[in-house]
Amino acid sequence: MENFILILNIILAILLIGVILLQRSEGGALGLGVSQDNFISSRSAGSFLTKTTAIIAALFIITSISLTIISKEEFSSTSVLEKVEKEEKDSSEPQIPKSD
C-alpha cells in the first residue's frame, strides 16, 4: 500500500509541476509590467488550469500526509543511543568487533 501511495505521490508531483508551467504568467510577483488598475480589478473565476492545479495540489498534500502517517507506524519509539547504552550495560567486558 505504501508503494502505491508513493508512486501516486510522485506522479502527482510531476503533474503539478507540468500544470504550473503551462499556466500563463501574470507578472505581478515583483510589480513589473502590471499597473495598479489591473491589480485591483475584479478577480476572474479561475480557468481550467487554475482549478486543475488546486485539485492536484490537494491530492498531493493528502498523499504526502498519508505517507507520513504510514511510515510513522514503522518507526520505533526508542532512540538508537538508548539501544547502544543498553547493550553496553548488558556486557561487563568490552567486546572486540568481528571482522569478516
PDB file of N, CA and C in Angstrom:
ATOM      1  N   MET A   1       0.830  -1.192   0.000  1.00  0.00           N
ATOM      2  CA  MET A   1       0.000   0.000   0.000  1.00  0.00           C
ATOM      3  C   MET A   1       0.876   1.258   0.000  1.00  0.00           C
ATOM      4  N   GLU A   2       1.962   1.180   0.766  1.00  0.00           N
ATOM      5  CA  GLU A   2       2.852   2.335   0.854  1.00  0.00           C
ATOM      6  C   GLU A   2       3.511   2.631  -0.493  1.00  0.00           C
ATOM      7  N   ASN A   3       3.873   1.576  -1.222  1.00  0.00           N
ATOM      8  CA  ASN A   3       4.492   1.768  -2.534  1.00  0.00           C
ATOM      9  C   ASN A   3       3.514   2.403  -3.520  1.00  0.00           C
ATOM     10  N   PHE A   4       2.258   1.984  -3.475  1.00  0.00           N
ATOM     11  CA  PHE A   4       1.246   2.555  -4.362  1.00  0.00           C
ATOM     12  C   PHE A   4       1.059   4.048  -4.082  1.00  0.00           C
ATOM     13  N   ILE A   5       0.979   4.415  -2.820  1.00  0.00           N
ATOM     14  CA  ILE A   5       0.800   5.828  -2.463  1.00  0.00           C
ATOM     15  C   ILE A   5       2.045   6.632  -2.834  1.00  0.00           C
ATOM     16  N   LEU A   6       3.220   6.032  -2.680  1.00  0.00           N
ATOM     17  CA  LEU A   6       4.461   6.716  -3.058  1.00  0.00           C
ATOM     18  C   LEU A   6       4.518   6.973  -4.562  1.00  0.00           C
ATOM     19  N   ILE A   7       4.158   5.975  -5.362  1.00  0.00           N
ATOM     20  CA  ILE A   7       4.137   6.156  -6.818  1.00  0.00           C
ATOM     21  C   ILE A   7       3.105   7.203  -7.211  1.00  0.00           C
ATOM     22  N   LEU A   8       1.931   7.170  -6.583  1.00  0.00           N
ATOM     23  CA  LEU A   8       0.897   8.167  -6.849  1.00  0.00           C
ATOM     24  C   LEU A   8       1.375   9.565  -6.470  1.00  0.00           C
ATOM     25  N   ASN A   9       2.096   9.672  -5.373  1.00  0.00           N
ATOM     26  CA  ASN A   9       2.631  10.956  -4.922  1.00  0.00           C
ATOM     27  C   ASN A   9       3.639  11.511  -5.926  1.00  0.00           C
ATOM     28  N   ILE A  10       4.498  10.661  -6.461  1.00  0.00           N
ATOM     29  CA  ILE A  10       5.480  11.101  -7.458  1.00  0.00           C
ATOM     30  C   ILE A  10       4.787  11.541  -8.750  1.00  0.00           C
ATOM     31  N   ILE A  11       3.783  10.775  -9.179  1.00  0.00           N
ATOM     32  CA  ILE A  11       3.040  11.149 -10.390  1.00  0.00           C
ATOM     33  C   ILE A  11       2.334  12.482 -10.188  1.00  0.00           C
ATOM     34  N   LEU A  12       1.731  12.677  -9.021  1.00  0.00           N
ATOM     35  CA  LEU A  12       1.051  13.944  -8.738  1.00  0.00           C
ATOM     36  C   LEU A  12       2.033  15.110  -8.707  1.00  0.00           C
ATOM     37  N   ALA A  13       3.231  14.887  -8.193  1.00  0.00           N
ATOM     38  CA  ALA A  13       4.242  15.946  -8.168  1.00  0.00           C
ATOM     39  C   ALA A  13       4.644  16.346  -9.582  1.00  0.00           C
ATOM     40  N   ILE A  14       4.836  15.362 -10.449  1.00  0.00           N
ATOM     41  CA  ILE A  14       5.203  15.662 -11.837  1.00  0.00           C
ATOM     42  C   ILE A  14       4.063  16.380 -12.552  1.00  0.00           C
ATOM     43  N   LEU A  15       2.824  15.915 -12.337  1.00  0.00           N
ATOM     44  CA  LEU A  15       1.666  16.588 -12.937  1.00  0.00           C
ATOM     45  C   LEU A  15       1.527  18.021 -12.431  1.00  0.00           C
ATOM     46  N   LEU A  16       1.767  18.220 -11.150  1.00  0.00           N
ATOM     47  CA  LEU A  16       1.651  19.558 -10.566  1.00  0.00           C
ATOM     48  C   LEU A  16       2.680  20.506 -11.180  1.00  0.00           C
ATOM     49  N   ILE A  17       3.892  20.024 -11.356  1.00  0.00           N
ATOM     50  CA  ILE A  17       4.920  20.847 -11.988  1.00  0.00           C
ATOM     51  C   ILE A  17       4.518  21.196 -13.416  1.00  0.00           C
ATOM     52  N   GLY A  18       4.021  20.207 -14.149  1.00  0.00           N
ATOM     53  CA  GLY A  18       3.614  20.439 -15.531  1.00  0.00           C
ATOM     54  C   GLY A  18       2.476  21.432 -15.655  1.00  0.00           C
ATOM     55  N   VAL A  19       1.461  21.292 -14.809  1.00  0.00           N
ATOM     56  CA  VAL A  19       0.305  22.188 -14.873  1.00  0.00           C
ATOM     57  C   VAL A  19       0.701  23.604 -14.483  1.00  0.00           C
ATOM     58  N   ILE A  20       1.571  23.744 -13.516  1.00  0.00           N
ATOM     59  CA  ILE A  20       2.020  25.080 -13.115  1.00  0.00           C
ATOM     60  C   ILE A  20       2.816  25.734 -14.237  1.00  0.00           C
ATOM     61  N   LEU A  21       3.652  24.963 -14.919  1.00  0.00           N
ATOM     62  CA  LEU A  21       4.441  25.534 -16.009  1.00  0.00           C
ATOM     63  C   LEU A  21       3.594  25.891 -17.228  1.00  0.00           C
ATOM     64  N   LEU A  22       2.442  25.242 -17.389  1.00  0.00           N
ATOM     65  CA  LEU A  22       1.561  25.554 -18.509  1.00  0.00           C
ATOM     66  C   LEU A  22       0.778  26.853 -18.311  1.00  0.00           C
ATOM     67  N   GLN A  23       0.640  27.287 -17.074  1.00  0.00           N
ATOM     68  CA  GLN A  23      -0.170  28.471 -16.799  1.00  0.00           C
ATOM     69  C   GLN A  23       0.504  29.735 -17.304  1.00  0.00           C
ATOM     70  N   ARG A  24      -0.332  30.707 -17.616  1.00  0.00           N
ATOM     71  CA  ARG A  24       0.154  31.995 -18.077  1.00  0.00           C
ATOM     72  C   ARG A  24       0.684  32.778 -16.889  1.00  0.00           C
ATOM     73  N   SER A  25       1.843  33.394 -17.075  1.00  0.00           N
ATOM     74  CA  SER A  25       2.431  34.189 -16.016  1.00  0.00           C
ATOM     75  C   SER A  25       1.710  35.523 -15.927  1.00  0.00           C
ATOM     76  N   GLU A  26       1.345  35.917 -14.731  1.00  0.00           N
ATOM     77  CA  GLU A  26       0.644  37.183 -14.554  1.00  0.00           C
ATOM     78  C   GLU A  26       1.616  38.333 -14.396  1.00  0.00           C
ATOM     79  N   GLY A  27       2.837  38.074 -14.037  1.00  0.00           N
ATOM     80  CA  GLY A  27       3.848  39.108 -13.956  1.00  0.00           C
ATOM     81  C   GLY A  27       3.695  40.051 -12.792  1.00  0.00           C
ATOM     82  N   GLY A  28       2.908  39.722 -11.816  1.00  0.00           N
ATOM     83  CA  GLY A  28       2.667  40.626 -10.703  1.00  0.00           C
ATOM     84  C   GLY A  28       3.492  40.330  -9.473  1.00  0.00           C
ATOM     85  N   ALA A  29       4.387  39.379  -9.561  1.00  0.00           N
ATOM     86  CA  ALA A  29       5.139  38.977  -8.378  1.00  0.00           C
ATOM     87  C   ALA A  29       6.048  40.089  -7.877  1.00  0.00           C
ATOM     88  N   LEU A  30       6.737  40.756  -8.794  1.00  0.00           N
ATOM     89  CA  LEU A  30       7.647  41.822  -8.398  1.00  0.00           C
ATOM     90  C   LEU A  30       7.116  43.204  -8.776  1.00  0.00           C
ATOM     91  N   GLY A  31       5.908  43.247  -9.283  1.00  0.00           N
ATOM     92  CA  GLY A  31       5.335  44.531  -9.669  1.00  0.00           C
ATOM     93  C   GLY A  31       5.795  45.003 -11.034  1.00  0.00           C
ATOM     94  N   LEU A  32       6.374  44.134 -11.827  1.00  0.00           N
ATOM     95  CA  LEU A  32       6.873  44.514 -13.142  1.00  0.00           C
ATOM     96  C   LEU A  32       5.791  44.282 -14.190  1.00  0.00           C
ATOM     97  N   GLY A  33       5.519  45.292 -14.995  1.00  0.00           N
ATOM     98  CA  GLY A  33       4.591  45.143 -16.102  1.00  0.00           C
ATOM     99  C   GLY A  33       3.132  45.104 -15.716  1.00  0.00           C
ATOM    100  N   VAL A  34       2.801  45.399 -14.503  1.00  0.00           N
ATOM    101  CA  VAL A  34       1.406  45.383 -14.085  1.00  0.00           C
ATOM    102  C   VAL A  34       1.064  46.744 -13.499  1.00  0.00           C
ATOM    103  N   SER A  35       0.030  47.332 -14.038  1.00  0.00           N
ATOM    104  CA  SER A  35      -0.399  48.608 -13.484  1.00  0.00           C
ATOM    105  C   SER A  35      -1.312  48.363 -12.288  1.00  0.00           C
ATOM    106  N   GLN A  36      -1.538  49.388 -11.523  1.00  0.00           N
ATOM    107  CA  GLN A  36      -2.391  49.255 -10.343  1.00  0.00           C
ATOM    108  C   GLN A  36      -3.835  48.964 -10.733  1.00  0.00           C
ATOM    109  N   ASP A  37      -4.266  49.431 -11.905  1.00  0.00           N
ATOM    110  CA  ASP A  37      -5.644  49.180 -12.329  1.00  0.00           C
ATOM    111  C   ASP A  37      -5.893  47.694 -12.553  1.00  0.00           C
ATOM    112  N   ASN A  38      -4.935  47.024 -13.189  1.00  0.00           N
ATOM    113  CA  ASN A  38      -5.090  45.592 -13.420  1.00  0.00           C
ATOM    114  C   ASN A  38      -4.979  44.796 -12.128  1.00  0.00           C
ATOM    115  N   PHE A  39      -4.203  45.283 -11.211  1.00  0.00           N
ATOM    116  CA  PHE A  39      -4.006  44.566  -9.953  1.00  0.00           C
ATOM    117  C   PHE A  39      -5.253  44.621  -9.080  1.00  0.00           C
ATOM    118  N   ILE A  40      -5.941  45.736  -9.090  1.00  0.00           N
ATOM    119  CA  ILE A  40      -7.101  45.907  -8.224  1.00  0.00           C
ATOM    120  C   ILE A  40      -8.396  45.507  -8.916  1.00  0.00           C
ATOM    121  N   SER A  41      -8.365  45.271 -10.212  1.00  0.00           N
ATOM    122  CA  SER A  41      -9.584  44.959 -10.956  1.00  0.00           C
ATOM    123  C   SER A  41     -10.224  43.667 -10.454  1.00  0.00           C
ATOM    124  N   SER A  42     -11.404  43.385 -10.969  1.00  0.00           N
ATOM    125  CA  SER A  42     -12.161  42.229 -10.492  1.00  0.00           C
ATOM    126  C   SER A  42     -11.414  40.933 -10.757  1.00  0.00           C
ATOM    127  N   ARG A  43     -11.616  40.003  -9.854  1.00  0.00           N
ATOM    128  CA  ARG A  43     -10.929  38.729  -9.956  1.00  0.00           C
ATOM    129  C   ARG A  43     -11.656  37.824 -10.937  1.00  0.00           C
ATOM    130  N   SER A  44     -10.905  37.055 -11.673  1.00  0.00           N
ATOM    131  CA  SER A  44     -11.520  36.108 -12.611  1.00  0.00           C
ATOM    132  C   SER A  44     -11.995  34.879 -11.856  1.00  0.00           C
ATOM    133  N   ALA A  45     -12.899  34.161 -12.481  1.00  0.00           N
ATOM    134  CA  ALA A  45     -13.476  32.980 -11.835  1.00  0.00           C
ATOM    135  C   ALA A  45     -12.469  31.847 -11.735  1.00  0.00           C
ATOM    136  N   GLY A  46     -11.472  31.883 -12.525  1.00  0.00           N
ATOM    137  CA  GLY A  46     -10.459  30.830 -12.487  1.00  0.00           C
ATOM    138  C   GLY A  46     -10.579  29.947 -13.705  1.00  0.00           C
ATOM    139  N   SER A  47      -9.487  29.731 -14.359  1.00  0.00           N
ATOM    140  CA  SER A  47      -9.508  28.923 -15.568  1.00  0.00           C
ATOM    141  C   SER A  47      -9.427  27.442 -15.228  1.00  0.00           C
ATOM    142  N   PHE A  48      -9.467  26.655 -16.256  1.00  0.00           N
ATOM    143  CA  PHE A  48      -9.377  25.207 -16.097  1.00  0.00           C
ATOM    144  C   PHE A  48      -8.054  24.816 -15.447  1.00  0.00           C
ATOM    145  N   LEU A  49      -6.962  25.471 -15.859  1.00  0.00           N
ATOM    146  CA  LEU A  49      -5.654  25.132 -15.303  1.00  0.00           C
ATOM    147  C   LEU A  49      -5.554  25.502 -13.824  1.00  0.00           C
ATOM    148  N   THR A  50      -6.184  26.603 -13.440  1.00  0.00           N
ATOM    149  CA  THR A  50      -6.153  27.007 -12.031  1.00  0.00           C
ATOM    150  C   THR A  50      -6.887  25.997 -11.158  1.00  0.00           C
ATOM    151  N   LYS A  51      -8.051  25.556 -11.624  1.00  0.00           N
ATOM    152  CA  LYS A  51      -8.814  24.561 -10.862  1.00  0.00           C
ATOM    153  C   LYS A  51      -8.085  23.218 -10.827  1.00  0.00           C
ATOM    154  N   THR A  52      -7.469  22.860 -11.958  1.00  0.00           N
ATOM    155  CA  THR A  52      -6.714  21.614 -12.009  1.00  0.00           C
ATOM    156  C   THR A  52      -5.523  21.662 -11.059  1.00  0.00           C
ATOM    157  N   THR A  53      -4.863  22.809 -11.002  1.00  0.00           N
ATOM    158  CA  THR A  53      -3.725  22.971 -10.089  1.00  0.00           C
ATOM    159  C   THR A  53      -4.172  22.801  -8.642  1.00  0.00           C
ATOM    160  N   ALA A  54      -5.300  23.386  -8.292  1.00  0.00           N
ATOM    161  CA  ALA A  54      -5.798  23.273  -6.917  1.00  0.00           C
ATOM    162  C   ALA A  54      -6.142  21.833  -6.565  1.00  0.00           C
ATOM    163  N   ILE A  55      -6.752  21.111  -7.482  1.00  0.00           N
ATOM    164  CA  ILE A  55      -7.135  19.719  -7.215  1.00  0.00           C
ATOM    165  C   ILE A  55      -5.895  18.836  -7.079  1.00  0.00           C
ATOM    166  N   ILE A  56      -4.946  18.994  -8.000  1.00  0.00           N
ATOM    167  CA  ILE A  56      -3.729  18.181  -7.941  1.00  0.00           C
ATOM    168  C   ILE A  56      -2.922  18.512  -6.682  1.00  0.00           C
ATOM    169  N   ALA A  57      -2.865  19.790  -6.309  1.00  0.00           N
ATOM    170  CA  ALA A  57      -2.135  20.173  -5.098  1.00  0.00           C
ATOM    171  C   ALA A  57      -2.781  19.566  -3.856  1.00  0.00           C
ATOM    172  N   ALA A  58      -4.106  19.572  -3.804  1.00  0.00           N
ATOM    173  CA  ALA A  58      -4.801  18.982  -2.657  1.00  0.00           C
ATOM    174  C   ALA A  58      -4.532  17.479  -2.570  1.00  0.00           C
ATOM    175  N   LEU A  59      -4.591  16.794  -3.710  1.00  0.00           N
ATOM    176  CA  LEU A  59      -4.301  15.356  -3.719  1.00  0.00           C
ATOM    177  C   LEU A  59      -2.851  15.075  -3.334  1.00  0.00           C
ATOM    178  N   PHE A  60      -1.928  15.931  -3.780  1.00  0.00           N
ATOM    179  CA  PHE A  60      -0.515  15.771  -3.428  1.00  0.00           C
ATOM    180  C   PHE A  60      -0.314  15.914  -1.922  1.00  0.00           C
ATOM    181  N   ILE A  61      -0.967  16.886  -1.324  1.00  0.00           N
ATOM    182  CA  ILE A  61      -0.844  17.091   0.124  1.00  0.00           C
ATOM    183  C   ILE A  61      -1.439  15.912   0.885  1.00  0.00           C
ATOM    184  N   ILE A  62      -2.575  15.410   0.422  1.00  0.00           N
ATOM    185  CA  ILE A  62      -3.216  14.274   1.089  1.00  0.00           C
ATOM    186  C   ILE A  62      -2.327  13.033   1.019  1.00  0.00           C
ATOM    187  N   THR A  63      -1.748  12.767  -0.159  1.00  0.00           N
ATOM    188  CA  THR A  63      -0.878  11.590  -0.268  1.00  0.00           C
ATOM    189  C   THR A  63       0.399  11.768   0.549  1.00  0.00           C
ATOM    190  N   SER A  64       0.917  12.987   0.629  1.00  0.00           N
ATOM    191  CA  SER A  64       2.123  13.221   1.435  1.00  0.00           C
ATOM    192  C   SER A  64       1.848  12.990   2.914  1.00  0.00           C
ATOM    193  N   ILE A  65       0.722  13.476   3.389  1.00  0.00           N
ATOM    194  CA  ILE A  65       0.358  13.285   4.802  1.00  0.00           C
ATOM    195  C   ILE A  65       0.108  11.806   5.092  1.00  0.00           C
ATOM    196  N   SER A  66      -0.560  11.110   4.177  1.00  0.00           N
ATOM    197  CA  SER A  66      -0.815   9.688   4.416  1.00  0.00           C
ATOM    198  C   SER A  66       0.481   8.876   4.389  1.00  0.00           C
ATOM    199  N   LEU A  67       1.449   9.258   3.556  1.00  0.00           N
ATOM    200  CA  LEU A  67       2.751   8.586   3.597  1.00  0.00           C
ATOM    201  C   LEU A  67       3.448   8.801   4.933  1.00  0.00           C
ATOM    202  N   THR A  68       3.319   9.998   5.470  1.00  0.00           N
ATOM    203  CA  THR A  68       3.920  10.286   6.773  1.00  0.00           C
ATOM    204  C   THR A  68       3.265   9.449   7.867  1.00  0.00           C
ATOM    205  N   ILE A  69       1.963   9.326   7.820  1.00  0.00           N
ATOM    206  CA  ILE A  69       1.245   8.551   8.833  1.00  0.00           C
ATOM    207  C   ILE A  69       1.601   7.068   8.726  1.00  0.00           C
ATOM    208  N   ILE A  70       1.675   6.554   7.497  1.00  0.00           N
ATOM    209  CA  ILE A  70       2.009   5.140   7.309  1.00  0.00           C
ATOM    210  C   ILE A  70       3.440   4.851   7.770  1.00  0.00           C
ATOM    211  N   SER A  71       4.381   5.729   7.434  1.00  0.00           N
ATOM    212  CA  SER A  71       5.769   5.476   7.813  1.00  0.00           C
ATOM    213  C   SER A  71       5.998   5.685   9.307  1.00  0.00           C
ATOM    214  N   LYS A  72       5.167   6.453   9.954  1.00  0.00           N
ATOM    215  CA  LYS A  72       5.319   6.680  11.394  1.00  0.00           C
ATOM    216  C   LYS A  72       5.083   5.382  12.173  1.00  0.00           C
ATOM    217  N   GLU A  73       4.217   4.542  11.674  1.00  0.00           N
ATOM    218  CA  GLU A  73       3.918   3.288  12.356  1.00  0.00           C
ATOM    219  C   GLU A  73       5.105   2.327  12.314  1.00  0.00           C
ATOM    220  N   GLU A  74       5.978   2.468  11.324  1.00  0.00           N
ATOM    221  CA  GLU A  74       7.112   1.554  11.185  1.00  0.00           C
ATOM    222  C   GLU A  74       8.280   1.909  12.090  1.00  0.00           C
ATOM    223  N   PHE A  75       8.327   3.141  12.578  1.00  0.00           N
ATOM    224  CA  PHE A  75       9.446   3.569  13.405  1.00  0.00           C
ATOM    225  C   PHE A  75       9.197   3.217  14.860  1.00  0.00           C
ATOM    226  N   SER A  76      10.268   2.855  15.559  1.00  0.00           N
ATOM    227  CA  SER A  76      10.135   2.554  16.974  1.00  0.00           C
ATOM    228  C   SER A  76      10.271   3.845  17.779  1.00  0.00           C
ATOM    229  N   SER A  77       9.792   3.799  18.991  1.00  0.00           N
ATOM    230  CA  SER A  77       9.821   4.996  19.832  1.00  0.00           C
ATOM    231  C   SER A  77      11.129   5.126  20.607  1.00  0.00           C
ATOM    232  N   THR A  78      11.993   4.117  20.512  1.00  0.00           N
ATOM    233  CA  THR A  78      13.263   4.190  21.231  1.00  0.00           C
ATOM    234  C   THR A  78      14.339   4.781  20.336  1.00  0.00           C
ATOM    235  N   SER A  79      15.290   5.397  20.955  1.00  0.00           N
ATOM    236  CA  SER A  79      16.388   6.034  20.247  1.00  0.00           C
ATOM    237  C   SER A  79      17.513   5.045  20.005  1.00  0.00           C
ATOM    238  N   VAL A  80      18.321   5.322  19.007  1.00  0.00           N
ATOM    239  CA  VAL A  80      19.491   4.485  18.735  1.00  0.00           C
ATOM    240  C   VAL A  80      20.470   4.569  19.896  1.00  0.00           C
ATOM    241  N   LEU A  81      20.600   5.738  20.489  1.00  0.00           N
ATOM    242  CA  LEU A  81      21.511   5.907  21.624  1.00  0.00           C
ATOM    243  C   LEU A  81      21.063   5.079  22.826  1.00  0.00           C
ATOM    244  N   GLU A  82      19.758   4.977  23.028  1.00  0.00           N
ATOM    245  CA  GLU A  82      19.261   4.158  24.128  1.00  0.00           C
ATOM    246  C   GLU A  82      19.601   2.687  23.905  1.00  0.00           C
ATOM    247  N   LYS A  83      19.527   2.234  22.657  1.00  0.00           N
ATOM    248  CA  LYS A  83      19.862   0.843  22.355  1.00  0.00           C
ATOM    249  C   LYS A  83      21.347   0.577  22.596  1.00  0.00           C
ATOM    250  N   VAL A  84      22.202   1.520  22.212  1.00  0.00           N
ATOM    251  CA  VAL A  84      23.647   1.361  22.415  1.00  0.00           C
ATOM    252  C   VAL A  84      23.974   1.341  23.901  1.00  0.00           C
ATOM    253  N   GLU A  85      23.374   2.231  24.664  1.00  0.00           N
ATOM    254  CA  GLU A  85      23.617   2.269  26.109  1.00  0.00           C
ATOM    255  C   GLU A  85      23.146   0.977  26.770  1.00  0.00           C
ATOM    256  N   LYS A  86      22.033   0.437  26.303  1.00  0.00           N
ATOM    257  CA  LYS A  86      21.508  -0.795  26.872  1.00  0.00           C
ATOM    258  C   LYS A  86      22.445  -1.967  26.583  1.00  0.00           C
ATOM    259  N   GLU A  87      23.011  -2.016  25.383  1.00  0.00           N
ATOM    260  CA  GLU A  87      23.942  -3.087  25.031  1.00  0.00           C
ATOM    261  C   GLU A  87      25.230  -2.970  25.836  1.00  0.00           C
ATOM    262  N   GLU A  88      25.686  -1.750  26.082  1.00  0.00           N
ATOM    263  CA  GLU A  88      26.905  -1.550  26.868  1.00  0.00           C
ATOM    264  C   GLU A  88      26.696  -1.976  28.311  1.00  0.00           C
ATOM    265  N   LYS A  89      25.530  -1.758  28.862  1.00  0.00           N
ATOM    266  CA  LYS A  89      25.249  -2.139  30.241  1.00  0.00           C
ATOM    267  C   LYS A  89      25.130  -3.654  30.383  1.00  0.00           C
ATOM    268  N   ASP A  90      24.654  -4.321  29.328  1.00  0.00           N
ATOM    269  CA  ASP A  90      24.482  -5.770  29.388  1.00  0.00           C
ATOM    270  C   ASP A  90      25.819  -6.508  29.445  1.00  0.00           C
ATOM    271  N   SER A  91      26.809  -6.004  28.774  1.00  0.00           N
ATOM    272  CA  SER A  91      28.108  -6.688  28.764  1.00  0.00           C
ATOM    273  C   SER A  91      29.062  -5.982  29.722  1.00  0.00           C
ATOM    274  N   SER A  92      29.707  -6.773  30.548  1.00  0.00           N
ATOM    275  CA  SER A  92      30.639  -6.196  31.520  1.00  0.00           C
ATOM    276  C   SER A  92      32.013  -5.957  30.913  1.00  0.00           C
ATOM    277  N   GLU A  93      32.381  -6.745  29.916  1.00  0.00           N
ATOM    278  CA  GLU A  93      33.678  -6.588  29.282  1.00  0.00           C
ATOM    279  C   GLU A  93      33.508  -5.990  27.884  1.00  0.00           C
ATOM    280  N   PRO A  94      34.499  -5.220  27.491  1.00  0.00           N
ATOM    281  CA  PRO A  94      34.410  -4.696  26.124  1.00  0.00           C
ATOM    282  C   PRO A  94      34.565  -5.813  25.107  1.00  0.00           C
ATOM    283  N   GLN A  95      33.827  -5.704  24.025  1.00  0.00           N
ATOM    284  CA  GLN A  95      33.885  -6.743  23.014  1.00  0.00           C
ATOM    285  C   GLN A  95      34.675  -6.266  21.807  1.00  0.00           C
ATOM    286  N   ILE A  96      35.396  -7.207  21.236  1.00  0.00           N
ATOM    287  CA  ILE A  96      36.179  -6.898  20.049  1.00  0.00           C
ATOM    288  C   ILE A  96      35.285  -7.067  18.827  1.00  0.00           C
ATOM    289  N   PRO A  97      35.268  -6.071  17.944  1.00  0.00           N
ATOM    290  CA  PRO A  97      34.429  -6.208  16.736  1.00  0.00           C
ATOM    291  C   PRO A  97      34.894  -7.365  15.874  1.00  0.00           C
ATOM    292  N   LYS A  98      33.954  -8.068  15.296  1.00  0.00           N
ATOM    293  CA  LYS A  98      34.288  -9.192  14.438  1.00  0.00           C
ATOM    294  C   LYS A  98      34.560  -8.678  13.040  1.00  0.00           C
ATOM    295  N   SER A  99      35.596  -9.239  12.420  1.00  0.00           N
ATOM    296  CA  SER A  99      35.910  -8.884  11.035  1.00  0.00           C
ATOM    297  C   SER A  99      35.554 -10.049  10.133  1.00  0.00           C
ATOM    298  N   ASP A 100      35.099  -9.731   8.959  1.00  0.00           N
ATOM    299  CA  ASP A 100      34.690 -10.784   8.025  1.00  0.00           C
ATOM    300  C   ASP A 100      35.849 -11.397   7.316  1.00  0.00           C
TER     301      ASP A 100
END
